């Protein structure tokens, strides 16, 4: 009887040990700091073109390096992470912010009712949405959205140089004028 009892206790301990080892092999979820979470797919950085220069500069500073804003040039340079852009630039005398996708960028930019109109001022020879060589970009047109990119001077509405890769998807619309 005693021997059977020791055998049963040994079996239980062995089973619990095997169970503990199996639990160690299960995938674990790591929790990132809040700033790191903005880089995960499905949680893009949001850029609102309607923001004033000072607010846009502050938002860029807290974007964990996803983009920068140069107020003097009125240029938003996207450098990392997935991004969602909304708002209007250049209409009715507002600032004339343009978008530049850095050459090292690889990711997705979602456009949702974006209107960039730089054509009104013929002195501006600036592209509304320009990619640099080496950029690998997927543009997603948000469902039901209307997006317009209009450049000034002799620029294309959406510039894709040699060495850059662009794919466009989504059910929204896009007009690029230059």
Foldseek 3Di string as FASTA:
>chain_A
DVVVVVVVVVVVVVVVVVVVVVVVPDDDDDDDDPLVVCQDPPNDQEQEPPDDPVVNQVSCVSNNPQWHADVVVLEIEGEEGEYEYEYEADPPPHHQHAYEYELCYEDEYEYAQYYGAAAVDQVDQDARAEYDANHEYEYEYEPPGEHEFEGHHPDKSYYDDPNYHYHYYYDYDYHIYD
